[in-house]
Amino acid sequence: MESKQHLSPAVLNEEETAIYIGMSRGFLRRCRMNGRTKSGAKGPAYVRVPGSRTIRYRLEDLDAWLLENRYGV
């Protein structure tokens, strides 16, 4: 019987996410608490692991957020 392996999308923790988008961990925390950045832009989507305080960010969501927030193109 052939088994198919299900690959989950890449996820990053808060520190990895901050490095990936070039912002601070505090920026990410403020976005989660307020739902928006200081400029009023919506922060990146995140996942809260059920039953814990663990936060993860999906790489595809971060890429989409970066594209949505680019200017001068």
PDB file of N, CA and C in Angstrom:
ATOM      1  N   MET A   1       0.843  -1.177   0.000  1.00  0.00           N
ATOM      2  CA  MET A   1       0.000   0.000   0.000  1.00  0.00           C
ATOM      3  C   MET A   1       0.892   1.245   0.000  1.00  0.00           C
ATOM      4  N   GLU A   2       0.602   2.138  -0.888  1.00  0.00           N
ATOM      5  CA  GLU A   2       1.381   3.371  -1.017  1.00  0.00           C
ATOM      6  C   GLU A   2       0.858   4.417  -0.034  1.00  0.00           C
ATOM      7  N   SER A   3       1.756   4.984   0.758  1.00  0.00           N
ATOM      8  CA  SER A   3       1.308   6.011   1.696  1.00  0.00           C
ATOM      9  C   SER A   3       1.749   7.386   1.199  1.00  0.00           C
ATOM     10  N   LYS A   4       0.881   8.327   1.364  1.00  0.00           N
ATOM     11  CA  LYS A   4       1.194   9.701   0.979  1.00  0.00           C
ATOM     12  C   LYS A   4       1.587  10.458   2.233  1.00  0.00           C
ATOM     13  N   GLN A   5       2.670  11.150   2.129  1.00  0.00           N
ATOM     14  CA  GLN A   5       3.129  11.940   3.266  1.00  0.00           C
ATOM     15  C   GLN A   5       2.542  13.338   3.153  1.00  0.00           C
ATOM     16  N   HIS A   6       1.931  13.796   4.221  1.00  0.00           N
ATOM     17  CA  HIS A   6       1.355  15.139   4.239  1.00  0.00           C
ATOM     18  C   HIS A   6       2.388  16.097   4.809  1.00  0.00           C
ATOM     19  N   LEU A   7       2.791  17.057   4.018  1.00  0.00           N
ATOM     20  CA  LEU A   7       3.760  18.038   4.479  1.00  0.00           C
ATOM     21  C   LEU A   7       3.019  19.288   4.931  1.00  0.00           C
ATOM     22  N   SER A   8       3.246  19.687   6.165  1.00  0.00           N
ATOM     23  CA  SER A   8       2.595  20.885   6.673  1.00  0.00           C
ATOM     24  C   SER A   8       3.371  22.107   6.202  1.00  0.00           C
ATOM     25  N   PRO A   9       2.697  23.257   6.097  1.00  0.00           N
ATOM     26  CA  PRO A   9       3.403  24.478   5.686  1.00  0.00           C
ATOM     27  C   PRO A   9       4.454  24.847   6.723  1.00  0.00           C
ATOM     28  N   ALA A  10       5.496  25.482   6.257  1.00  0.00           N
ATOM     29  CA  ALA A  10       6.569  25.896   7.162  1.00  0.00           C
ATOM     30  C   ALA A  10       6.032  26.895   8.180  1.00  0.00           C
ATOM     31  N   VAL A  11       6.430  26.723   9.418  1.00  0.00           N
ATOM     32  CA  VAL A  11       6.038  27.645  10.484  1.00  0.00           C
ATOM     33  C   VAL A  11       7.280  28.141  11.204  1.00  0.00           C
ATOM     34  N   LEU A  12       7.200  29.385  11.659  1.00  0.00           N
ATOM     35  CA  LEU A  12       8.303  30.008  12.369  1.00  0.00           C
ATOM     36  C   LEU A  12       7.853  30.431  13.754  1.00  0.00           C
ATOM     37  N   ASN A  13       8.769  30.412  14.713  1.00  0.00           N
ATOM     38  CA  ASN A  13       8.445  30.949  16.030  1.00  0.00           C
ATOM     39  C   ASN A  13       8.605  32.472  15.988  1.00  0.00           C
ATOM     40  N   GLU A  14       8.357  33.130  17.104  1.00  0.00           N
ATOM     41  CA  GLU A  14       8.370  34.596  17.130  1.00  0.00           C
ATOM     42  C   GLU A  14       9.741  35.169  16.768  1.00  0.00           C
ATOM     43  N   GLU A  15      10.800  34.598  17.302  1.00  0.00           N
ATOM     44  CA  GLU A  15      12.145  35.096  17.026  1.00  0.00           C
ATOM     45  C   GLU A  15      12.507  34.932  15.550  1.00  0.00           C
ATOM     46  N   GLU A  16      12.212  33.762  14.994  1.00  0.00           N
ATOM     47  CA  GLU A  16      12.489  33.514  13.577  1.00  0.00           C
ATOM     48  C   GLU A  16      11.671  34.446  12.691  1.00  0.00           C
ATOM     49  N   THR A  17      10.423  34.686  13.087  1.00  0.00           N
ATOM     50  CA  THR A  17       9.552  35.570  12.318  1.00  0.00           C
ATOM     51  C   THR A  17      10.088  36.993  12.315  1.00  0.00           C
ATOM     52  N   ALA A  18      10.519  37.477  13.482  1.00  0.00           N
ATOM     53  CA  ALA A  18      11.065  38.832  13.575  1.00  0.00           C
ATOM     54  C   ALA A  18      12.256  38.993  12.639  1.00  0.00           C
ATOM     55  N   ILE A  19      13.118  38.006  12.610  1.00  0.00           N
ATOM     56  CA  ILE A  19      14.276  38.056  11.714  1.00  0.00           C
ATOM     57  C   ILE A  19      13.819  38.017  10.262  1.00  0.00           C
ATOM     58  N   TYR A  20      12.874  37.145   9.948  1.00  0.00           N
ATOM     59  CA  TYR A  20      12.394  36.975   8.575  1.00  0.00           C
ATOM     60  C   TYR A  20      11.799  38.260   8.010  1.00  0.00           C
ATOM     61  N   ILE A  21      11.011  38.977   8.813  1.00  0.00           N
ATOM     62  CA  ILE A  21      10.375  40.198   8.302  1.00  0.00           C
ATOM     63  C   ILE A  21      11.175  41.457   8.617  1.00  0.00           C
ATOM     64  N   GLY A  22      12.272  41.305   9.366  1.00  0.00           N
ATOM     65  CA  GLY A  22      13.126  42.452   9.661  1.00  0.00           C
ATOM     66  C   GLY A  22      12.552  43.415  10.687  1.00  0.00           C
ATOM     67  N   MET A  23      11.771  42.895  11.604  1.00  0.00           N
ATOM     68  CA  MET A  23      11.176  43.715  12.652  1.00  0.00           C
ATOM     69  C   MET A  23      11.517  43.087  14.006  1.00  0.00           C
ATOM     70  N   SER A  24      11.139  43.766  15.079  1.00  0.00           N
ATOM     71  CA  SER A  24      11.445  43.257  16.419  1.00  0.00           C
ATOM     72  C   SER A  24      10.347  42.321  16.919  1.00  0.00           C
ATOM     73  N   ARG A  25      10.696  41.559  17.956  1.00  0.00           N
ATOM     74  CA  ARG A  25       9.699  40.710  18.597  1.00  0.00           C
ATOM     75  C   ARG A  25       8.632  41.577  19.260  1.00  0.00           C
ATOM     76  N   GLY A  26       9.026  42.741  19.767  1.00  0.00           N
ATOM     77  CA  GLY A  26       8.065  43.673  20.353  1.00  0.00           C
ATOM     78  C   GLY A  26       7.039  44.134  19.338  1.00  0.00           C
ATOM     79  N   PHE A  27       7.483  44.360  18.104  1.00  0.00           N
ATOM     80  CA  PHE A  27       6.566  44.731  17.022  1.00  0.00           C
ATOM     81  C   PHE A  27       5.506  43.653  16.843  1.00  0.00           C
ATOM     82  N   LEU A  28       5.942  42.397  16.818  1.00  0.00           N
ATOM     83  CA  LEU A  28       4.997  41.291  16.640  1.00  0.00           C
ATOM     84  C   LEU A  28       4.027  41.204  17.811  1.00  0.00           C
ATOM     85  N   ARG A  29       4.521  41.403  19.014  1.00  0.00           N
ATOM     86  CA  ARG A  29       3.654  41.355  20.199  1.00  0.00           C
ATOM     87  C   ARG A  29       2.627  42.483  20.172  1.00  0.00           C
ATOM     88  N   ARG A  30       3.068  43.684  19.799  1.00  0.00           N
ATOM     89  CA  ARG A  30       2.125  44.810  19.707  1.00  0.00           C
ATOM     90  C   ARG A  30       1.058  44.537  18.654  1.00  0.00           C
ATOM     91  N   CYS A  31       1.468  43.965  17.540  1.00  0.00           N
ATOM     92  CA  CYS A  31       0.492  43.637  16.492  1.00  0.00           C
ATOM     93  C   CYS A  31      -0.536  42.627  16.998  1.00  0.00           C
ATOM     94  N   ARG A  32      -0.079  41.641  17.771  1.00  0.00           N
ATOM     95  CA  ARG A  32      -1.022  40.649  18.297  1.00  0.00           C
ATOM     96  C   ARG A  32      -1.959  41.277  19.319  1.00  0.00           C
ATOM     97  N   MET A  33      -1.428  42.147  20.164  1.00  0.00           N
ATOM     98  CA  MET A  33      -2.254  42.772  21.208  1.00  0.00           C
ATOM     99  C   MET A  33      -3.238  43.778  20.626  1.00  0.00           C
ATOM    100  N   ASN A  34      -2.769  44.586  19.689  1.00  0.00           N
ATOM    101  CA  ASN A  34      -3.585  45.669  19.144  1.00  0.00           C
ATOM    102  C   ASN A  34      -4.276  45.313  17.834  1.00  0.00           C
ATOM    103  N   GLY A  35      -3.777  44.291  17.164  1.00  0.00           N
ATOM    104  CA  GLY A  35      -4.345  43.912  15.873  1.00  0.00           C
ATOM    105  C   GLY A  35      -3.823  44.741  14.720  1.00  0.00           C
ATOM    106  N   ARG A  36      -3.112  45.819  15.052  1.00  0.00           N
ATOM    107  CA  ARG A  36      -2.602  46.712  14.007  1.00  0.00           C
ATOM    108  C   ARG A  36      -1.235  47.251  14.392  1.00  0.00           C
ATOM    109  N   THR A  37      -0.499  47.722  13.382  1.00  0.00           N
ATOM    110  CA  THR A  37       0.784  48.369  13.632  1.00  0.00           C
ATOM    111  C   THR A  37       0.527  49.813  14.048  1.00  0.00           C
ATOM    112  N   LYS A  38       1.584  50.533  14.446  1.00  0.00           N
ATOM    113  CA  LYS A  38       1.426  51.942  14.822  1.00  0.00           C
ATOM    114  C   LYS A  38       0.877  52.774  13.669  1.00  0.00           C
ATOM    115  N   SER A  39       1.229  52.405  12.440  1.00  0.00           N
ATOM    116  CA  SER A  39       0.752  53.160  11.281  1.00  0.00           C
ATOM    117  C   SER A  39      -0.683  52.798  10.898  1.00  0.00           C
ATOM    118  N   GLY A  40      -1.253  51.811  11.583  1.00  0.00           N
ATOM    119  CA  GLY A  40      -2.632  51.417  11.304  1.00  0.00           C
ATOM    120  C   GLY A  40      -2.758  50.208  10.399  1.00  0.00           C
ATOM    121  N   ALA A  41      -1.622  49.717   9.896  1.00  0.00           N
ATOM    122  CA  ALA A  41      -1.667  48.529   9.041  1.00  0.00           C
ATOM    123  C   ALA A  41      -1.959  47.295   9.895  1.00  0.00           C
ATOM    124  N   LYS A  42      -2.607  46.339   9.308  1.00  0.00           N
ATOM    125  CA  LYS A  42      -2.909  45.086  10.001  1.00  0.00           C
ATOM    126  C   LYS A  42      -1.625  44.272  10.152  1.00  0.00           C
ATOM    127  N   GLY A  43      -1.407  43.686  11.322  1.00  0.00           N
ATOM    128  CA  GLY A  43      -0.226  42.860  11.565  1.00  0.00           C
ATOM    129  C   GLY A  43      -0.331  41.514  10.872  1.00  0.00           C
ATOM    130  N   PRO A  44       0.780  40.768  10.828  1.00  0.00           N
ATOM    131  CA  PRO A  44       0.754  39.459  10.163  1.00  0.00           C
ATOM    132  C   PRO A  44      -0.112  38.450  10.921  1.00  0.00           C
ATOM    133  N   ALA A  45      -0.735  37.563  10.172  1.00  0.00           N
ATOM    134  CA  ALA A  45      -1.554  36.500  10.760  1.00  0.00           C
ATOM    135  C   ALA A  45      -0.667  35.557  11.561  1.00  0.00           C
ATOM    136  N   TYR A  46      -1.224  34.996  12.621  1.00  0.00           N
ATOM    137  CA  TYR A  46      -0.471  34.064  13.456  1.00  0.00           C
ATOM    138  C   TYR A  46      -1.374  32.932  13.911  1.00  0.00           C
ATOM    139  N   VAL A  47      -0.754  31.896  14.440  1.00  0.00           N
ATOM    140  CA  VAL A  47      -1.468  30.733  14.943  1.00  0.00           C
ATOM    141  C   VAL A  47      -1.130  30.572  16.417  1.00  0.00           C
ATOM    142  N   ARG A  48      -2.147  30.426  17.244  1.00  0.00           N
ATOM    143  CA  ARG A  48      -1.932  30.110  18.657  1.00  0.00           C
ATOM    144  C   ARG A  48      -2.188  28.611  18.805  1.00  0.00           C
ATOM    145  N   VAL A  49      -1.174  27.893  19.254  1.00  0.00           N
ATOM    146  CA  VAL A  49      -1.284  26.446  19.411  1.00  0.00           C
ATOM    147  C   VAL A  49      -2.309  26.160  20.505  1.00  0.00           C
ATOM    148  N   PRO A  50      -3.343  25.365  20.194  1.00  0.00           N
ATOM    149  CA  PRO A  50      -4.392  25.087  21.177  1.00  0.00           C
ATOM    150  C   PRO A  50      -3.831  24.510  22.479  1.00  0.00           C
ATOM    151  N   GLY A  51      -4.344  25.007  23.592  1.00  0.00           N
ATOM    152  CA  GLY A  51      -3.952  24.509  24.889  1.00  0.00           C
ATOM    153  C   GLY A  51      -2.622  25.038  25.400  1.00  0.00           C
ATOM    154  N   SER A  52      -2.074  26.037  24.720  1.00  0.00           N
ATOM    155  CA  SER A  52      -0.802  26.601  25.162  1.00  0.00           C
ATOM    156  C   SER A  52      -0.741  28.080  24.799  1.00  0.00           C
ATOM    157  N   ARG A  53       0.336  28.715  25.182  1.00  0.00           N
ATOM    158  CA  ARG A  53       0.553  30.121  24.822  1.00  0.00           C
ATOM    159  C   ARG A  53       1.516  30.243  23.643  1.00  0.00           C
ATOM    160  N   THR A  54       1.791  29.116  23.012  1.00  0.00           N
ATOM    161  CA  THR A  54       2.731  29.073  21.903  1.00  0.00           C
ATOM    162  C   THR A  54       2.154  29.761  20.675  1.00  0.00           C
ATOM    163  N   ILE A  55       2.948  30.638  20.086  1.00  0.00           N
ATOM    164  CA  ILE A  55       2.558  31.367  18.881  1.00  0.00           C
ATOM    165  C   ILE A  55       3.464  30.930  17.733  1.00  0.00           C
ATOM    166  N   ARG A  56       2.878  30.701  16.585  1.00  0.00           N
ATOM    167  CA  ARG A  56       3.629  30.369  15.382  1.00  0.00           C
ATOM    168  C   ARG A  56       3.104  31.203  14.224  1.00  0.00           C
ATOM    169  N   TYR A  57       3.976  31.444  13.271  1.00  0.00           N
ATOM    170  CA  TYR A  57       3.630  32.193  12.063  1.00  0.00           C
ATOM    171  C   TYR A  57       3.900  31.303  10.865  1.00  0.00           C
ATOM    172  N   ARG A  58       2.909  31.189   9.988  1.00  0.00           N
ATOM    173  CA  ARG A  58       3.090  30.396   8.768  1.00  0.00           C
ATOM    174  C   ARG A  58       3.853  31.224   7.751  1.00  0.00           C
ATOM    175  N   LEU A  59       4.826  30.604   7.124  1.00  0.00           N
ATOM    176  CA  LEU A  59       5.663  31.295   6.157  1.00  0.00           C
ATOM    177  C   LEU A  59       4.830  31.885   5.024  1.00  0.00           C
ATOM    178  N   GLU A  60       3.837  31.155   4.566  1.00  0.00           N
ATOM    179  CA  GLU A  60       3.010  31.665   3.457  1.00  0.00           C
ATOM    180  C   GLU A  60       2.199  32.890   3.889  1.00  0.00           C
ATOM    181  N   ASP A  61       1.771  32.949   5.153  1.00  0.00           N
ATOM    182  CA  ASP A  61       1.060  34.134   5.650  1.00  0.00           C
ATOM    183  C   ASP A  61       1.996  35.335   5.739  1.00  0.00           C
ATOM    184  N   LEU A  62       3.235  35.094   6.156  1.00  0.00           N
ATOM    185  CA  LEU A  62       4.203  36.190   6.250  1.00  0.00           C
ATOM    186  C   LEU A  62       4.534  36.749   4.878  1.00  0.00           C
ATOM    187  N   ASP A  63       4.709  35.866   3.898  1.00  0.00           N
ATOM    188  CA  ASP A  63       4.989  36.324   2.535  1.00  0.00           C
ATOM    189  C   ASP A  63       3.829  37.150   1.993  1.00  0.00           C
ATOM    190  N   ALA A  64       2.602  36.706   2.251  1.00  0.00           N
ATOM    191  CA  ALA A  64       1.420  37.450   1.804  1.00  0.00           C
ATOM    192  C   ALA A  64       1.361  38.814   2.496  1.00  0.00           C
ATOM    193  N   TRP A  65       1.647  38.861   3.801  1.00  0.00           N
ATOM    194  CA  TRP A  65       1.623  40.116   4.556  1.00  0.00           C
ATOM    195  C   TRP A  65       2.664  41.087   4.016  1.00  0.00           C
ATOM    196  N   LEU A  66       3.853  40.579   3.719  1.00  0.00           N
ATOM    197  CA  LEU A  66       4.901  41.444   3.167  1.00  0.00           C
ATOM    198  C   LEU A  66       4.472  42.025   1.812  1.00  0.00           C
ATOM    199  N   LEU A  67       3.839  41.206   0.979  1.00  0.00           N
ATOM    200  CA  LEU A  67       3.379  41.696  -0.319  1.00  0.00           C
ATOM    201  C   LEU A  67       2.270  42.732  -0.176  1.00  0.00           C
ATOM    202  N   GLU A  68       1.364  42.509   0.764  1.00  0.00           N
ATOM    203  CA  GLU A  68       0.258  43.449   0.989  1.00  0.00           C
ATOM    204  C   GLU A  68       0.745  44.802   1.495  1.00  0.00           C
ATOM    205  N   ASN A  69       1.893  44.820   2.147  1.00  0.00           N
ATOM    206  CA  ASN A  69       2.376  46.043   2.779  1.00  0.00           C
ATOM    207  C   ASN A  69       3.574  46.664   2.062  1.00  0.00           C
ATOM    208  N   ARG A  70       3.760  46.344   0.809  1.00  0.00           N
ATOM    209  CA  ARG A  70       4.865  46.958   0.074  1.00  0.00           C
ATOM    210  C   ARG A  70       4.352  48.215  -0.624  1.00  0.00           C
ATOM    211  N   TYR A  71       5.239  49.153  -0.752  1.00  0.00           N
ATOM    212  CA  TYR A  71       4.901  50.443  -1.355  1.00  0.00           C
ATOM    213  C   TYR A  71       5.920  50.782  -2.429  1.00  0.00           C
ATOM    214  N   GLY A  72       5.554  51.716  -3.280  1.00  0.00           N
ATOM    215  CA  GLY A  72       6.463  52.208  -4.301  1.00  0.00           C
ATOM    216  C   GLY A  72       6.681  51.251  -5.456  1.00  0.00           C
ATOM    217  N   VAL A  73       5.738  50.332  -5.637  1.00  0.00           N
ATOM    218  CA  VAL A  73       5.874  49.368  -6.722  1.00  0.00           C
ATOM    219  C   VAL A  73       5.090  49.834  -7.914  1.00  0.00           C
TER     220      VAL A  73
END
